[in-house]
Amino acid sequence: MPYEKNGKRKRRSNVSKSMLQYHEDMKKVRIEKPEIENCDLFLSTSPEISWQDGRRIVELDVLANSLRSCKMCTIPLQLHNTEGEKRQGLGSYLSVRCAECNFINTIQTNKTHVNGSRGPGVFDINTKTAIGLTDSGLGARQFNKLVTTMGIPGITAKTIKRREREIKIPNYDVAKDSCLRVIEEEIECMSKSIPQEEAATPEGLKS
């Protein structure tokens, strides 16, 4: 084995130690779980979301009236006694247990309206969302990117399609009335301009 100077041996030893330390650090990086920078986004895209996770769009007046009293014993309800949530689009039904009689009350977080002759009520927020998406030209994917970034559970494309079908006939009626109104205004303007043109025509040119 050829003779090596002490300085060269030390440099080689330092390089070996550096390489070993590098490999140890890389092992730690692989073993450690990646941190989630946006916890709200993670919660909102998870298939199982608790009522305590993320954020919700809530009408405070509706929620306050729903929590005013239990349906069985009329004792005021407490939101922290919520035991479950059923989401329908951007609205929710909460199952709240009464602390006095243990009766589970179903309360809603938003106003609803009737669509059709039967079936459960439709949350106003879902219909208004469909109207807003139609006016702005956005789709379900772009909208869900926005709300999930804010930690709000998204709305399915199927729900949006249903609400778009709901507003299709009213939108058609509004467009039809608008067109008829414009036509009537045009006819009225033309009828007013004809006498003025006749008055401006010389007598010799009138037949």
N, C-alpha and C. Protein backbone atom coordinates (compact mmCIF):
# COMPACT_ATOMS: atom_id res chain seq x y z
N MET A 1 0.86 -1.19 0.00
CA MET A 1 0.00 0.00 0.00
C MET A 1 0.89 1.24 0.00
N PRO A 2 0.69 2.18 -0.91
CA PRO A 2 1.53 3.37 -0.98
C PRO A 2 1.33 4.25 0.24
N TYR A 3 2.37 4.95 0.58
CA TYR A 3 2.35 5.82 1.75
C TYR A 3 1.52 7.07 1.45
N GLU A 4 0.65 7.50 2.42
CA GLU A 4 -0.15 8.71 2.28
C GLU A 4 0.18 9.66 3.42
N LYS A 5 0.20 10.90 3.11
CA LYS A 5 0.44 11.92 4.12
C LYS A 5 -0.76 12.03 5.05
N ASN A 6 -0.48 12.53 6.27
CA ASN A 6 -1.56 12.67 7.25
C ASN A 6 -2.67 13.61 6.77
N GLY A 7 -2.29 14.69 6.11
CA GLY A 7 -3.31 15.64 5.63
C GLY A 7 -4.25 15.00 4.62
N LYS A 8 -3.69 14.18 3.73
CA LYS A 8 -4.52 13.53 2.72
C LYS A 8 -5.47 12.53 3.35
N ARG A 9 -4.95 11.78 4.36
CA ARG A 9 -5.81 10.81 5.04
C ARG A 9 -6.95 11.51 5.78
N LYS A 10 -6.65 12.65 6.41
CA LYS A 10 -7.69 13.39 7.12
C LYS A 10 -8.77 13.91 6.17
N ARG A 11 -8.31 14.42 5.02
CA ARG A 11 -9.29 14.93 4.05
C ARG A 11 -10.20 13.81 3.56
N ARG A 12 -9.60 12.64 3.27
CA ARG A 12 -10.39 11.50 2.81
C ARG A 12 -11.36 11.05 3.91
N SER A 13 -10.91 11.07 5.15
CA SER A 13 -11.78 10.68 6.26
C SER A 13 -12.94 11.66 6.42
N ASN A 14 -12.64 12.95 6.26
CA ASN A 14 -13.70 13.95 6.38
C ASN A 14 -14.74 13.80 5.27
N VAL A 15 -14.27 13.49 4.05
CA VAL A 15 -15.20 13.26 2.94
C VAL A 15 -16.08 12.07 3.21
N SER A 16 -15.49 10.98 3.74
CA SER A 16 -16.28 9.78 4.05
C SER A 16 -17.33 10.08 5.11
N LYS A 17 -16.95 10.83 6.14
CA LYS A 17 -17.91 11.19 7.18
C LYS A 17 -19.04 12.05 6.62
N SER A 18 -18.69 12.96 5.72
CA SER A 18 -19.71 13.82 5.12
C SER A 18 -20.70 13.01 4.30
N MET A 19 -20.18 12.02 3.54
CA MET A 19 -21.05 11.18 2.74
C MET A 19 -21.97 10.34 3.62
N LEU A 20 -21.42 9.79 4.71
CA LEU A 20 -22.24 9.00 5.63
C LEU A 20 -23.34 9.86 6.26
N GLN A 21 -22.97 11.09 6.65
CA GLN A 21 -23.97 11.98 7.25
C GLN A 21 -25.05 12.35 6.24
N TYR A 22 -24.64 12.53 4.98
CA TYR A 22 -25.60 12.85 3.92
C TYR A 22 -26.62 11.73 3.74
N HIS A 23 -26.13 10.48 3.70
CA HIS A 23 -27.03 9.34 3.54
C HIS A 23 -27.96 9.19 4.75
N GLU A 24 -27.46 9.45 5.94
CA GLU A 24 -28.31 9.38 7.13
C GLU A 24 -29.42 10.44 7.08
N ASP A 25 -29.05 11.64 6.62
CA ASP A 25 -30.05 12.70 6.51
C ASP A 25 -31.10 12.35 5.47
N MET A 26 -30.70 11.74 4.36
CA MET A 26 -31.65 11.36 3.32
C MET A 26 -32.61 10.30 3.83
N LYS A 27 -32.11 9.37 4.66
CA LYS A 27 -32.99 8.35 5.24
C LYS A 27 -34.06 8.99 6.12
N LYS A 28 -33.66 10.00 6.90
CA LYS A 28 -34.63 10.68 7.76
C LYS A 28 -35.68 11.40 6.93
N VAL A 29 -35.27 11.99 5.83
CA VAL A 29 -36.22 12.69 4.97
C VAL A 29 -37.24 11.73 4.40
N ARG A 30 -36.80 10.52 4.02
CA ARG A 30 -37.71 9.53 3.45
C ARG A 30 -38.66 8.98 4.50
N ILE A 31 -38.18 8.84 5.73
CA ILE A 31 -39.00 8.25 6.78
C ILE A 31 -40.03 9.23 7.30
N GLU A 32 -39.65 10.50 7.45
CA GLU A 32 -40.58 11.47 7.99
C GLU A 32 -41.75 11.68 7.04
N LYS A 33 -42.96 11.84 7.62
CA LYS A 33 -44.16 12.07 6.82
C LYS A 33 -44.16 13.52 6.34
N PRO A 34 -44.60 13.75 5.11
CA PRO A 34 -44.62 15.13 4.61
C PRO A 34 -45.64 15.96 5.36
N GLU A 35 -45.27 17.21 5.65
CA GLU A 35 -46.20 18.09 6.34
C GLU A 35 -47.24 18.61 5.36
N ILE A 36 -48.46 18.78 5.85
CA ILE A 36 -49.55 19.32 5.04
C ILE A 36 -49.56 20.82 5.23
N GLU A 37 -49.24 21.56 4.18
CA GLU A 37 -49.17 23.01 4.31
C GLU A 37 -50.56 23.61 4.50
N ASN A 38 -51.56 23.08 3.78
CA ASN A 38 -52.90 23.63 3.87
C ASN A 38 -53.80 22.59 4.50
N CYS A 39 -53.97 22.66 5.81
CA CYS A 39 -54.76 21.66 6.53
C CYS A 39 -56.21 21.73 6.11
N ASP A 40 -56.73 22.95 5.84
CA ASP A 40 -58.12 23.08 5.44
C ASP A 40 -58.39 22.37 4.13
N LEU A 41 -57.46 22.49 3.19
CA LEU A 41 -57.63 21.82 1.91
C LEU A 41 -57.66 20.31 2.09
N PHE A 42 -56.81 19.79 2.97
CA PHE A 42 -56.79 18.36 3.23
C PHE A 42 -58.11 17.90 3.83
N LEU A 43 -58.63 18.65 4.78
CA LEU A 43 -59.88 18.27 5.43
C LEU A 43 -61.04 18.32 4.46
N SER A 44 -61.07 19.33 3.59
CA SER A 44 -62.21 19.50 2.73
C SER A 44 -62.27 18.47 1.62
N THR A 45 -61.12 17.90 1.24
CA THR A 45 -61.13 16.91 0.18
C THR A 45 -61.22 15.49 0.71
N SER A 46 -61.19 15.32 2.03
CA SER A 46 -61.30 13.99 2.61
C SER A 46 -62.71 13.46 2.46
N PRO A 47 -62.89 12.16 2.14
CA PRO A 47 -64.24 11.62 1.96
C PRO A 47 -65.05 11.61 3.24
N GLU A 48 -64.41 11.50 4.40
CA GLU A 48 -65.11 11.49 5.68
C GLU A 48 -64.75 12.77 6.43
N ILE A 49 -65.68 13.71 6.48
CA ILE A 49 -65.43 14.99 7.11
C ILE A 49 -66.39 15.14 8.29
N SER A 50 -65.84 15.36 9.46
CA SER A 50 -66.66 15.60 10.64
C SER A 50 -67.25 17.00 10.59
N TRP A 51 -68.33 17.20 11.33
CA TRP A 51 -68.94 18.53 11.38
C TRP A 51 -68.01 19.55 12.01
N GLN A 52 -67.00 19.07 12.75
CA GLN A 52 -66.04 19.96 13.38
C GLN A 52 -64.88 20.33 12.47
N ASP A 53 -64.78 19.72 11.31
CA ASP A 53 -63.67 19.97 10.40
C ASP A 53 -64.02 21.05 9.39
N GLY A 54 -63.04 21.85 9.05
CA GLY A 54 -63.22 22.82 7.98
C GLY A 54 -64.17 23.95 8.36
N ARG A 55 -64.76 24.56 7.33
CA ARG A 55 -65.68 25.68 7.50
C ARG A 55 -66.99 25.38 6.77
N ARG A 56 -68.02 26.17 7.09
CA ARG A 56 -69.32 26.01 6.45
C ARG A 56 -69.89 27.39 6.12
N ILE A 57 -70.75 27.42 5.11
CA ILE A 57 -71.52 28.63 4.80
C ILE A 57 -72.84 28.52 5.56
N VAL A 58 -73.04 29.38 6.54
CA VAL A 58 -74.18 29.27 7.44
C VAL A 58 -74.94 30.60 7.47
N GLU A 59 -76.28 30.51 7.44
CA GLU A 59 -77.12 31.68 7.69
C GLU A 59 -77.37 31.75 9.19
N LEU A 60 -76.80 32.75 9.83
CA LEU A 60 -76.83 32.82 11.29
C LEU A 60 -78.25 32.89 11.84
N ASP A 61 -79.13 33.61 11.15
CA ASP A 61 -80.51 33.73 11.63
C ASP A 61 -81.21 32.37 11.62
N VAL A 62 -81.00 31.60 10.56
CA VAL A 62 -81.62 30.27 10.46
C VAL A 62 -81.07 29.35 11.55
N LEU A 63 -79.76 29.37 11.75
CA LEU A 63 -79.15 28.51 12.76
C LEU A 63 -79.61 28.89 14.17
N ALA A 64 -79.69 30.20 14.44
CA ALA A 64 -80.12 30.65 15.76
C ALA A 64 -81.56 30.23 16.06
N ASN A 65 -82.44 30.36 15.07
CA ASN A 65 -83.83 29.95 15.28
C ASN A 65 -83.95 28.44 15.45
N SER A 66 -83.12 27.69 14.75
CA SER A 66 -83.18 26.23 14.86
C SER A 66 -82.71 25.76 16.23
N LEU A 67 -81.76 26.49 16.82
CA LEU A 67 -81.24 26.11 18.14
C LEU A 67 -82.03 26.70 19.29
N ARG A 68 -83.10 27.41 18.99
CA ARG A 68 -83.83 28.12 20.04
C ARG A 68 -84.45 27.16 21.04
N SER A 69 -85.00 26.03 20.57
CA SER A 69 -85.67 25.11 21.51
C SER A 69 -85.70 23.71 20.93
N CYS A 70 -85.72 22.73 21.85
CA CYS A 70 -85.87 21.32 21.47
C CYS A 70 -87.31 21.06 21.04
N LYS A 71 -87.51 20.18 20.09
CA LYS A 71 -88.85 19.88 19.59
C LYS A 71 -89.67 19.07 20.59
N MET A 72 -89.00 18.48 21.58
CA MET A 72 -89.71 17.66 22.56
C MET A 72 -89.95 18.39 23.87
N CYS A 73 -88.92 19.04 24.40
CA CYS A 73 -89.05 19.65 25.73
C CYS A 73 -88.88 21.17 25.72
N THR A 74 -88.67 21.77 24.55
CA THR A 74 -88.53 23.22 24.36
C THR A 74 -87.34 23.83 25.09
N ILE A 75 -86.40 23.00 25.54
CA ILE A 75 -85.17 23.52 26.15
C ILE A 75 -84.22 23.97 25.04
N PRO A 76 -83.53 25.10 25.18
CA PRO A 76 -82.59 25.54 24.14
C PRO A 76 -81.51 24.49 23.86
N LEU A 77 -81.16 24.37 22.59
CA LEU A 77 -80.14 23.40 22.17
C LEU A 77 -78.76 24.05 22.16
N GLN A 78 -77.75 23.21 22.30
CA GLN A 78 -76.36 23.66 22.28
C GLN A 78 -75.66 23.07 21.06
N LEU A 79 -74.96 23.93 20.33
CA LEU A 79 -74.31 23.48 19.10
C LEU A 79 -73.22 22.45 19.39
N HIS A 80 -72.59 22.52 20.54
CA HIS A 80 -71.51 21.57 20.84
C HIS A 80 -72.05 20.16 21.12
N ASN A 81 -73.37 20.00 21.20
CA ASN A 81 -73.97 18.68 21.36
C ASN A 81 -74.31 18.03 20.01
N THR A 82 -73.78 18.59 18.94
CA THR A 82 -73.99 18.02 17.61
C THR A 82 -73.33 16.65 17.51
N GLU A 83 -74.07 15.68 16.98
CA GLU A 83 -73.56 14.31 16.87
C GLU A 83 -73.36 13.85 15.43
N GLY A 84 -73.81 14.63 14.49
CA GLY A 84 -73.63 14.23 13.10
C GLY A 84 -74.04 15.34 12.16
N GLU A 85 -73.64 15.19 10.92
CA GLU A 85 -73.95 16.18 9.89
C GLU A 85 -74.25 15.47 8.58
N LYS A 86 -75.30 15.91 7.91
CA LYS A 86 -75.63 15.43 6.58
C LYS A 86 -75.58 16.62 5.64
N ARG A 87 -74.58 16.62 4.76
CA ARG A 87 -74.40 17.74 3.85
C ARG A 87 -75.16 17.51 2.55
N GLN A 88 -75.79 18.56 2.07
CA GLN A 88 -76.43 18.57 0.76
C GLN A 88 -75.91 19.80 0.02
N GLY A 89 -74.89 19.58 -0.78
CA GLY A 89 -74.25 20.71 -1.43
C GLY A 89 -73.53 21.56 -0.40
N LEU A 90 -73.85 22.85 -0.38
CA LEU A 90 -73.24 23.77 0.57
C LEU A 90 -74.06 23.94 1.83
N GLY A 91 -75.23 23.33 1.89
CA GLY A 91 -76.06 23.37 3.10
C GLY A 91 -75.90 22.08 3.90
N SER A 92 -76.33 22.13 5.15
CA SER A 92 -76.17 20.97 6.03
C SER A 92 -77.37 20.81 6.94
N TYR A 93 -77.62 19.54 7.30
CA TYR A 93 -78.55 19.19 8.37
C TYR A 93 -77.72 18.65 9.53
N LEU A 94 -77.88 19.23 10.70
CA LEU A 94 -77.13 18.82 11.88
C LEU A 94 -78.03 18.04 12.82
N SER A 95 -77.50 16.97 13.38
CA SER A 95 -78.20 16.18 14.39
C SER A 95 -77.70 16.62 15.76
N VAL A 96 -78.56 17.33 16.49
CA VAL A 96 -78.18 17.91 17.78
C VAL A 96 -79.00 17.24 18.88
N ARG A 97 -78.31 16.68 19.86
CA ARG A 97 -78.97 16.01 20.98
C ARG A 97 -79.31 17.02 22.07
N CYS A 98 -80.52 16.92 22.57
CA CYS A 98 -80.96 17.79 23.66
C CYS A 98 -80.32 17.32 24.97
N ALA A 99 -79.75 18.25 25.72
CA ALA A 99 -79.11 17.90 26.99
C ALA A 99 -80.12 17.56 28.08
N GLU A 100 -81.40 17.90 27.89
CA GLU A 100 -82.41 17.65 28.90
C GLU A 100 -83.12 16.32 28.70
N CYS A 101 -83.61 16.06 27.48
CA CYS A 101 -84.41 14.85 27.22
C CYS A 101 -83.72 13.86 26.29
N ASN A 102 -82.52 14.18 25.81
CA ASN A 102 -81.74 13.31 24.91
C ASN A 102 -82.39 13.11 23.55
N PHE A 103 -83.39 13.90 23.22
CA PHE A 103 -84.00 13.80 21.89
C PHE A 103 -83.05 14.42 20.86
N ILE A 104 -82.89 13.73 19.73
CA ILE A 104 -82.01 14.22 18.67
C ILE A 104 -82.82 15.07 17.70
N ASN A 105 -82.49 16.34 17.64
CA ASN A 105 -83.16 17.29 16.76
C ASN A 105 -82.39 17.44 15.45
N THR A 106 -83.11 17.54 14.37
CA THR A 106 -82.50 17.80 13.06
C THR A 106 -82.70 19.27 12.72
N ILE A 107 -81.61 20.00 12.65
CA ILE A 107 -81.68 21.42 12.35
C ILE A 107 -80.91 21.70 11.07
N GLN A 108 -81.30 22.76 10.38
CA GLN A 108 -80.66 23.11 9.11
C GLN A 108 -79.87 24.39 9.27
N THR A 109 -78.85 24.52 8.43
CA THR A 109 -77.95 25.67 8.52
C THR A 109 -78.29 26.77 7.53
N ASN A 110 -79.19 26.49 6.59
CA ASN A 110 -79.55 27.48 5.57
C ASN A 110 -81.03 27.38 5.25
N LYS A 111 -81.55 28.40 4.61
CA LYS A 111 -82.94 28.39 4.18
C LYS A 111 -83.15 27.40 3.04
N THR A 112 -84.36 26.88 2.94
CA THR A 112 -84.71 25.94 1.88
C THR A 112 -85.97 26.42 1.16
N HIS A 113 -86.18 25.89 -0.03
CA HIS A 113 -87.40 26.17 -0.79
C HIS A 113 -87.87 24.87 -1.43
N VAL A 114 -89.13 24.85 -1.84
CA VAL A 114 -89.72 23.66 -2.43
C VAL A 114 -89.53 23.71 -3.94
N ASN A 115 -89.07 22.60 -4.49
CA ASN A 115 -88.90 22.48 -5.94
C ASN A 115 -89.68 21.26 -6.41
N GLY A 116 -90.80 21.48 -7.06
CA GLY A 116 -91.64 20.37 -7.48
C GLY A 116 -92.75 20.11 -6.47
N SER A 117 -93.53 19.09 -6.75
CA SER A 117 -94.69 18.78 -5.91
C SER A 117 -94.33 17.95 -4.69
N ARG A 118 -93.18 17.31 -4.70
CA ARG A 118 -92.80 16.47 -3.58
C ARG A 118 -91.28 16.45 -3.43
N GLY A 119 -90.85 15.81 -2.36
CA GLY A 119 -89.42 15.72 -2.11
C GLY A 119 -88.98 16.71 -1.05
N PRO A 120 -87.77 16.53 -0.52
CA PRO A 120 -87.27 17.44 0.52
C PRO A 120 -86.99 18.83 -0.03
N GLY A 121 -86.87 19.78 0.88
CA GLY A 121 -86.57 21.14 0.47
C GLY A 121 -85.17 21.26 -0.10
N VAL A 122 -85.02 22.23 -0.96
CA VAL A 122 -83.73 22.49 -1.61
C VAL A 122 -83.09 23.71 -0.94
N PHE A 123 -81.83 23.59 -0.60
CA PHE A 123 -81.14 24.72 0.03
C PHE A 123 -81.01 25.87 -0.97
N ASP A 124 -81.35 27.07 -0.49
CA ASP A 124 -81.24 28.26 -1.34
C ASP A 124 -79.81 28.49 -1.81
N ILE A 125 -78.84 28.19 -0.95
CA ILE A 125 -77.44 28.45 -1.28
C ILE A 125 -77.00 27.64 -2.50
N ASN A 126 -77.56 26.44 -2.67
CA ASN A 126 -77.20 25.62 -3.83
C ASN A 126 -77.77 26.21 -5.12
N THR A 127 -79.02 26.67 -5.06
CA THR A 127 -79.62 27.29 -6.24
C THR A 127 -78.92 28.58 -6.60
N LYS A 128 -78.59 29.39 -5.60
CA LYS A 128 -77.88 30.64 -5.87
C LYS A 128 -76.47 30.37 -6.42
N THR A 129 -75.86 29.28 -5.99
CA THR A 129 -74.55 28.91 -6.53
C THR A 129 -74.66 28.58 -8.01
N ALA A 130 -75.70 27.83 -8.38
CA ALA A 130 -75.90 27.50 -9.80
C ALA A 130 -76.13 28.75 -10.63
N ILE A 131 -76.89 29.71 -10.08
CA ILE A 131 -77.12 30.97 -10.80
C ILE A 131 -75.80 31.72 -10.98
N GLY A 132 -75.00 31.79 -9.92
CA GLY A 132 -73.73 32.50 -10.00
C GLY A 132 -72.76 31.86 -10.97
N LEU A 133 -72.71 30.52 -10.98
CA LEU A 133 -71.82 29.83 -11.91
C LEU A 133 -72.27 30.02 -13.35
N THR A 134 -73.58 30.05 -13.58
CA THR A 134 -74.10 30.27 -14.93
C THR A 134 -73.76 31.67 -15.41
N ASP A 135 -73.92 32.66 -14.55
CA ASP A 135 -73.63 34.05 -14.93
C ASP A 135 -72.14 34.29 -15.16
N SER A 136 -71.30 33.65 -14.35
CA SER A 136 -69.86 33.88 -14.45
C SER A 136 -69.16 32.95 -15.45
N GLY A 137 -69.86 31.91 -15.90
CA GLY A 137 -69.27 30.98 -16.85
C GLY A 137 -68.31 29.98 -16.24
N LEU A 138 -68.35 29.80 -14.93
CA LEU A 138 -67.48 28.84 -14.26
C LEU A 138 -68.15 27.47 -14.18
N GLY A 139 -67.33 26.44 -13.99
CA GLY A 139 -67.83 25.09 -13.82
C GLY A 139 -67.65 24.60 -12.40
N ALA A 140 -68.09 23.37 -12.16
CA ALA A 140 -68.02 22.80 -10.81
C ALA A 140 -66.57 22.65 -10.35
N ARG A 141 -65.67 22.30 -11.26
CA ARG A 141 -64.28 22.07 -10.88
C ARG A 141 -63.61 23.36 -10.41
N GLN A 142 -63.81 24.45 -11.16
CA GLN A 142 -63.21 25.72 -10.77
C GLN A 142 -63.79 26.21 -9.44
N PHE A 143 -65.10 26.04 -9.28
CA PHE A 143 -65.73 26.49 -8.04
C PHE A 143 -65.23 25.70 -6.84
N ASN A 144 -65.10 24.39 -7.01
CA ASN A 144 -64.64 23.56 -5.90
C ASN A 144 -63.19 23.86 -5.52
N LYS A 145 -62.37 24.24 -6.51
CA LYS A 145 -61.00 24.65 -6.18
C LYS A 145 -61.01 25.86 -5.27
N LEU A 146 -61.94 26.77 -5.52
CA LEU A 146 -62.03 27.98 -4.70
C LEU A 146 -62.46 27.66 -3.28
N VAL A 147 -63.57 26.92 -3.14
CA VAL A 147 -64.13 26.70 -1.80
C VAL A 147 -63.27 25.75 -0.97
N THR A 148 -62.65 24.74 -1.62
CA THR A 148 -61.81 23.83 -0.84
C THR A 148 -60.55 24.52 -0.33
N THR A 149 -60.07 25.51 -1.07
CA THR A 149 -58.94 26.29 -0.57
C THR A 149 -59.30 27.03 0.71
N MET A 150 -60.57 27.42 0.83
CA MET A 150 -61.05 28.10 2.04
C MET A 150 -61.47 27.13 3.12
N GLY A 151 -61.35 25.82 2.87
CA GLY A 151 -61.71 24.84 3.88
C GLY A 151 -63.18 24.48 3.89
N ILE A 152 -63.92 24.83 2.84
CA ILE A 152 -65.35 24.53 2.75
C ILE A 152 -65.53 23.29 1.89
N PRO A 153 -66.26 22.28 2.37
CA PRO A 153 -66.50 21.10 1.54
C PRO A 153 -67.18 21.49 0.22
N GLY A 154 -66.71 20.90 -0.87
CA GLY A 154 -67.21 21.26 -2.19
C GLY A 154 -68.60 20.72 -2.46
N ILE A 155 -69.10 21.05 -3.65
CA ILE A 155 -70.41 20.63 -4.10
C ILE A 155 -70.23 19.76 -5.34
N THR A 156 -70.99 18.69 -5.46
CA THR A 156 -70.81 17.76 -6.57
C THR A 156 -71.36 18.36 -7.86
N ALA A 157 -70.82 17.89 -8.98
CA ALA A 157 -71.31 18.34 -10.28
C ALA A 157 -72.76 17.92 -10.50
N LYS A 158 -73.15 16.79 -9.93
CA LYS A 158 -74.53 16.32 -10.06
C LYS A 158 -75.51 17.28 -9.39
N THR A 159 -75.15 17.77 -8.21
CA THR A 159 -76.01 18.73 -7.52
C THR A 159 -76.12 20.02 -8.31
N ILE A 160 -75.02 20.49 -8.87
CA ILE A 160 -75.05 21.72 -9.66
C ILE A 160 -75.93 21.54 -10.89
N LYS A 161 -75.86 20.38 -11.55
CA LYS A 161 -76.68 20.12 -12.73
C LYS A 161 -78.17 20.15 -12.37
N ARG A 162 -78.51 19.58 -11.23
CA ARG A 162 -79.91 19.59 -10.79
C ARG A 162 -80.41 21.01 -10.58
N ARG A 163 -79.59 21.82 -9.95
CA ARG A 163 -80.00 23.20 -9.70
C ARG A 163 -80.01 24.02 -10.99
N GLU A 164 -79.16 23.69 -11.94
CA GLU A 164 -79.20 24.37 -13.24
C GLU A 164 -80.48 24.04 -13.98
N ARG A 165 -80.94 22.79 -13.85
CA ARG A 165 -82.23 22.43 -14.46
C ARG A 165 -83.37 23.16 -13.76
N GLU A 166 -83.20 23.40 -12.49
CA GLU A 166 -84.24 24.12 -11.74
C GLU A 166 -84.39 25.55 -12.22
N ILE A 167 -83.27 26.21 -12.51
CA ILE A 167 -83.31 27.62 -12.90
C ILE A 167 -83.43 27.81 -14.40
N LYS A 168 -83.45 26.73 -15.17
CA LYS A 168 -83.48 26.83 -16.63
C LYS A 168 -84.76 27.49 -17.11
N ILE A 169 -85.92 27.04 -16.61
CA ILE A 169 -87.21 27.59 -17.04
C ILE A 169 -87.37 29.04 -16.60
N PRO A 170 -87.09 29.39 -15.33
CA PRO A 170 -87.17 30.82 -14.96
C PRO A 170 -86.25 31.71 -15.79
N ASN A 171 -85.04 31.24 -16.08
CA ASN A 171 -84.13 32.03 -16.91
C ASN A 171 -84.69 32.23 -18.31
N TYR A 172 -85.33 31.18 -18.85
CA TYR A 172 -85.94 31.28 -20.17
C TYR A 172 -87.07 32.29 -20.17
N ASP A 173 -87.89 32.26 -19.11
CA ASP A 173 -89.01 33.20 -19.02
C ASP A 173 -88.51 34.64 -18.90
N VAL A 174 -87.45 34.84 -18.12
CA VAL A 174 -86.89 36.19 -17.98
C VAL A 174 -86.33 36.68 -19.30
N ALA A 175 -85.61 35.81 -20.02
CA ALA A 175 -85.05 36.20 -21.32
C ALA A 175 -86.16 36.51 -22.32
N LYS A 176 -87.24 35.72 -22.29
CA LYS A 176 -88.35 35.95 -23.20
C LYS A 176 -89.03 37.28 -22.91
N ASP A 177 -89.29 37.55 -21.64
CA ASP A 177 -89.91 38.83 -21.27
C ASP A 177 -89.02 40.00 -21.64
N SER A 178 -87.71 39.84 -21.47
CA SER A 178 -86.78 40.91 -21.82
C SER A 178 -86.80 41.20 -23.31
N CYS A 179 -86.82 40.14 -24.12
CA CYS A 179 -86.86 40.32 -25.58
C CYS A 179 -88.15 40.99 -26.01
N LEU A 180 -89.27 40.56 -25.44
CA LEU A 180 -90.56 41.17 -25.79
C LEU A 180 -90.60 42.64 -25.40
N ARG A 181 -90.03 42.98 -24.27
CA ARG A 181 -90.01 44.36 -23.82
C ARG A 181 -89.17 45.23 -24.75
N VAL A 182 -88.05 44.69 -25.21
CA VAL A 182 -87.20 45.45 -26.15
C VAL A 182 -87.91 45.65 -27.47
N ILE A 183 -88.62 44.63 -27.94
CA ILE A 183 -89.37 44.75 -29.20
C ILE A 183 -90.46 45.81 -29.08
N GLU A 184 -91.18 45.81 -27.96
CA GLU A 184 -92.23 46.81 -27.75
C GLU A 184 -91.65 48.22 -27.70
N GLU A 185 -90.50 48.39 -27.06
CA GLU A 185 -89.86 49.70 -27.01
C GLU A 185 -89.42 50.15 -28.40
N GLU A 186 -88.93 49.21 -29.19
CA GLU A 186 -88.50 49.55 -30.56
C GLU A 186 -89.69 49.97 -31.41
N ILE A 187 -90.80 49.25 -31.28
CA ILE A 187 -92.01 49.61 -32.04
C ILE A 187 -92.52 50.98 -31.63
N GLU A 188 -92.48 51.26 -30.33
CA GLU A 188 -92.94 52.56 -29.84
C GLU A 188 -92.06 53.69 -30.37
N CYS A 189 -90.75 53.47 -30.39
CA CYS A 189 -89.85 54.49 -30.92
C CYS A 189 -90.08 54.74 -32.41
N MET A 190 -90.33 53.65 -33.14
CA MET A 190 -90.59 53.80 -34.58
C MET A 190 -91.89 54.54 -34.83
N SER A 191 -92.91 54.23 -34.02
CA SER A 191 -94.21 54.91 -34.21
C SER A 191 -94.11 56.40 -33.90
N LYS A 192 -93.23 56.79 -32.99
CA LYS A 192 -93.06 58.20 -32.68
C LYS A 192 -92.25 58.92 -33.75
N SER A 193 -91.33 58.21 -34.38
CA SER A 193 -90.47 58.86 -35.37
C SER A 193 -91.17 59.04 -36.71
N ILE A 194 -92.18 58.22 -37.02
CA ILE A 194 -92.87 58.32 -38.32
C ILE A 194 -93.59 59.65 -38.48
N PRO A 195 -94.40 60.14 -37.52
CA PRO A 195 -95.04 61.45 -37.70
C PRO A 195 -94.04 62.58 -37.86
N GLN A 196 -92.90 62.52 -37.18
CA GLN A 196 -91.90 63.57 -37.32
C GLN A 196 -91.31 63.59 -38.72
N GLU A 197 -91.10 62.41 -39.31
CA GLU A 197 -90.57 62.34 -40.67
C GLU A 197 -91.59 62.88 -41.67
N GLU A 198 -92.88 62.58 -41.44
CA GLU A 198 -93.92 63.09 -42.34
C GLU A 198 -94.02 64.60 -42.25
N ALA A 199 -93.87 65.14 -41.05
CA ALA A 199 -93.95 66.60 -40.88
C ALA A 199 -92.78 67.29 -41.55
N ALA A 200 -91.64 66.64 -41.61
CA ALA A 200 -90.46 67.25 -42.22
C ALA A 200 -90.45 67.11 -43.74
N THR A 201 -91.35 66.31 -44.33
CA THR A 201 -91.37 66.10 -45.78
C THR A 201 -92.06 67.28 -46.46
N PRO A 202 -91.47 67.87 -47.51
CA PRO A 202 -92.10 68.99 -48.23
C PRO A 202 -93.44 68.58 -48.81
N GLU A 203 -94.36 69.60 -48.95
CA GLU A 203 -95.71 69.33 -49.43
C GLU A 203 -95.70 68.79 -50.86
N GLY A 204 -94.77 69.22 -51.67
CA GLY A 204 -94.75 68.80 -53.06
C GLY A 204 -94.35 67.35 -53.24
N LEU A 205 -93.63 66.78 -52.25
CA LEU A 205 -93.18 65.40 -52.37
C LEU A 205 -94.19 64.42 -51.82
N LYS A 206 -95.20 64.93 -51.09
CA LYS A 206 -96.20 64.03 -50.55
C LYS A 206 -97.14 63.57 -51.65
N SER A 207 -97.46 62.31 -51.70
CA SER A 207 -98.33 61.79 -52.74
C SER A 207 -99.79 61.86 -52.30
